Protein backbone atom coordinates (compact mmCIF):
# COMPACT_ATOMS: atom_id res chain seq x y z
CA MET A 1 6.45 -120.52 150.31
CA ARG A 2 7.77 -120.44 153.58
CA LEU A 3 9.90 -123.69 153.77
CA THR A 4 10.71 -125.30 157.45
CA ALA A 5 14.34 -126.90 157.19
CA THR A 6 14.36 -130.13 159.38
CA GLY A 7 18.25 -130.16 159.79
CA ALA A 8 19.13 -133.34 157.94
CA PRO A 9 18.94 -131.57 155.29
CA GLY A 10 15.33 -131.32 154.66
CA TYR A 11 11.80 -129.28 154.45
CA ARG A 12 8.87 -130.06 155.94
CA GLU A 13 5.46 -128.21 155.84
CA THR A 14 2.17 -128.98 157.64
CA LEU A 15 -0.71 -128.75 155.10
CA PRO A 16 -4.72 -129.03 155.46
CA CYS A 17 -5.80 -132.49 154.39
CA ARG A 18 -7.49 -131.23 151.14
CA PRO A 19 -7.08 -131.83 147.49
CA GLU A 20 -5.65 -128.22 146.87
CA SER A 21 -2.43 -129.07 149.28
CA ALA A 22 -0.99 -131.58 146.35
CA LYS A 23 -0.15 -128.15 144.39
CA ARG A 24 1.79 -126.59 147.36
CA ALA A 25 3.59 -130.07 148.16
CA ARG A 26 4.59 -130.20 144.50
CA LEU A 27 5.81 -126.49 145.26
CA LEU A 28 8.05 -127.51 148.49
CA VAL A 29 9.56 -130.62 146.86
CA ALA A 30 10.64 -128.71 143.30
CA ALA A 31 11.98 -126.06 145.86
CA ALA A 32 14.00 -128.31 147.76
CA LEU A 33 15.57 -130.28 144.93
CA ASP A 34 16.48 -127.01 142.94
CA ALA A 35 18.13 -125.92 146.30
CA TRP A 36 20.29 -129.16 146.37
CA GLY A 37 20.85 -128.62 142.71
CA ILE A 38 19.05 -131.68 141.74
CA GLY A 39 16.14 -130.49 139.78
CA GLU A 40 16.34 -133.04 137.76
CA LEU A 41 14.41 -135.40 140.08
CA GLY A 42 11.79 -132.77 140.23
CA CYS A 43 9.43 -134.70 137.57
CA SER A 44 9.39 -137.53 139.47
CA GLY A 45 9.53 -135.97 142.82
CA MET A 46 6.49 -133.79 142.42
CA GLN A 47 4.32 -136.60 140.78
CA ILE A 48 5.08 -138.68 143.66
CA VAL A 49 4.83 -136.15 146.43
CA ALA A 50 0.72 -135.10 144.74
CA GLU A 51 -0.15 -139.08 144.88
CA LEU A 52 0.69 -139.21 148.22
CA VAL A 53 -1.11 -136.23 149.27
CA ASN A 54 -4.00 -137.57 147.22
CA ASN A 55 -4.16 -140.62 148.83
CA SER A 56 -4.12 -138.79 152.64
CA VAL A 57 -7.10 -136.75 151.15
CA ASN A 58 -8.66 -139.50 149.52
CA HIS A 59 -8.48 -142.31 152.13
CA THR A 60 -7.99 -140.75 155.44
CA ARG A 61 -10.40 -138.43 157.51
CA SER A 62 -7.20 -136.56 159.00
CA ARG A 63 -7.33 -132.84 158.93
CA ALA A 64 -3.86 -131.98 158.35
CA ILE A 65 -0.89 -133.79 156.71
CA LEU A 66 2.76 -133.37 156.99
CA VAL A 67 4.93 -133.28 154.17
CA VAL A 68 8.79 -133.73 154.62
CA ILE A 69 11.46 -134.23 151.97
CA ALA A 70 14.86 -134.89 153.06
CA ARG A 71 17.91 -135.44 151.15
CA GLU A 72 19.90 -138.46 152.70
CA GLY A 73 23.31 -139.30 150.94
CA ARG A 74 23.00 -140.09 147.07
CA SER A 75 18.62 -140.38 148.13
CA VAL A 76 16.15 -138.05 148.50
CA ARG A 77 13.08 -139.65 150.38
CA ILE A 78 9.63 -137.81 150.68
CA ARG A 79 7.35 -138.68 153.44
CA VAL A 80 3.66 -137.44 153.96
CA ALA A 81 1.95 -138.65 157.41
CA ASP A 82 -1.34 -138.54 158.48
CA LYS A 83 -3.27 -139.69 161.37
CA SER A 84 -4.80 -142.59 159.62
CA ARG A 85 -3.86 -146.38 160.53
CA GLY A 86 -4.69 -147.75 157.04
CA VAL A 87 -1.90 -148.47 154.77
CA PRO A 88 -1.49 -148.18 151.23
CA VAL A 89 -1.43 -151.45 149.01
CA LEU A 90 -0.05 -151.62 145.63
CA ARG A 91 -2.77 -152.62 143.13
CA ARG A 92 -2.96 -153.66 139.57
CA PRO A 93 -6.43 -151.96 138.32
CA GLU A 94 -8.21 -153.13 135.43
CA ASP A 95 -7.40 -150.75 132.33
CA SER A 96 -10.98 -149.58 132.31
CA SER A 97 -10.93 -148.59 136.24
CA GLU A 98 -10.94 -144.99 136.73
CA GLU A 99 -8.85 -144.93 140.02
CA GLY A 100 -6.55 -147.08 141.95
CA ARG A 101 -3.01 -145.96 140.11
CA GLY A 102 -1.58 -143.70 142.60
CA ILE A 103 0.68 -145.99 144.47
CA LEU A 104 1.52 -148.36 141.34
CA LEU A 105 2.72 -145.12 140.12
CA VAL A 106 4.73 -144.36 143.18
CA ASP A 107 6.21 -147.68 142.96
CA THR A 108 7.16 -147.10 139.33
CA LEU A 109 8.75 -143.65 139.49
CA SER A 110 10.42 -144.25 143.17
CA THR A 111 13.72 -146.54 143.73
CA SER A 112 11.53 -147.92 146.73
CA TRP A 113 8.62 -146.96 148.59
CA GLY A 114 6.94 -147.97 151.89
CA TYR A 115 5.28 -146.98 155.21
CA ASP A 116 5.94 -146.73 158.88
CA ARG A 117 3.13 -147.10 161.31
CA LYS A 118 2.97 -144.71 164.02
CA PRO A 119 0.67 -144.44 167.47
CA TRP A 120 -1.02 -141.81 165.92
CA GLY A 121 -1.22 -142.87 162.23
CA LYS A 122 1.56 -143.64 159.67
CA VAL A 123 3.82 -142.18 157.63
CA VAL A 124 4.40 -143.07 153.73
CA TRP A 125 7.37 -142.71 151.98
CA ALA A 126 9.17 -142.88 148.81
CA GLU A 127 12.80 -142.48 147.91
CA LEU A 128 14.28 -141.27 144.78
CA ARG A 129 18.17 -141.87 143.99
CA MET A 130 20.35 -139.26 142.60
CA ALA A 131 21.73 -140.30 139.17
CA ASP A 132 25.46 -141.28 139.34
CA ALA A 133 27.67 -138.15 138.06
CA SER A 134 30.60 -140.44 137.14
CA PRO A 135 30.85 -141.43 133.39
CA PRO A 136 30.74 -145.21 132.42
CA GLU A 137 34.19 -146.84 132.44
CA GLU A 138 35.02 -147.51 129.09
CA ARG A 139 36.07 -151.44 127.86
């Protein structure tokens, strides 16, 4: 895999807006988290990026998406950009529903999430916080 550093520290990759790109995005997130020594965020980060990619694939007509992972202090922000102006909506689907849980999952796994509208489309992002490394105070 060829990673492009974003300078923040971070990495990004432009991918086709197709279902198989979720795997590539998961690998990007895992590689970045491992490089930063915070692989414990890997399961949540990989699930989040897969859901964000799948949202772009299923709800836009974009030909390509941009996946970015950046470390900002004690937080990691995962972004997926596409050319659609439609924004994600947090839904609470019925138990029998077979879809509509992607953003609910992102909401559950992330510290925070949201989107930024752009003139050309949008960026959907989710943030993970690193665990506090200091031991709990004794009483």
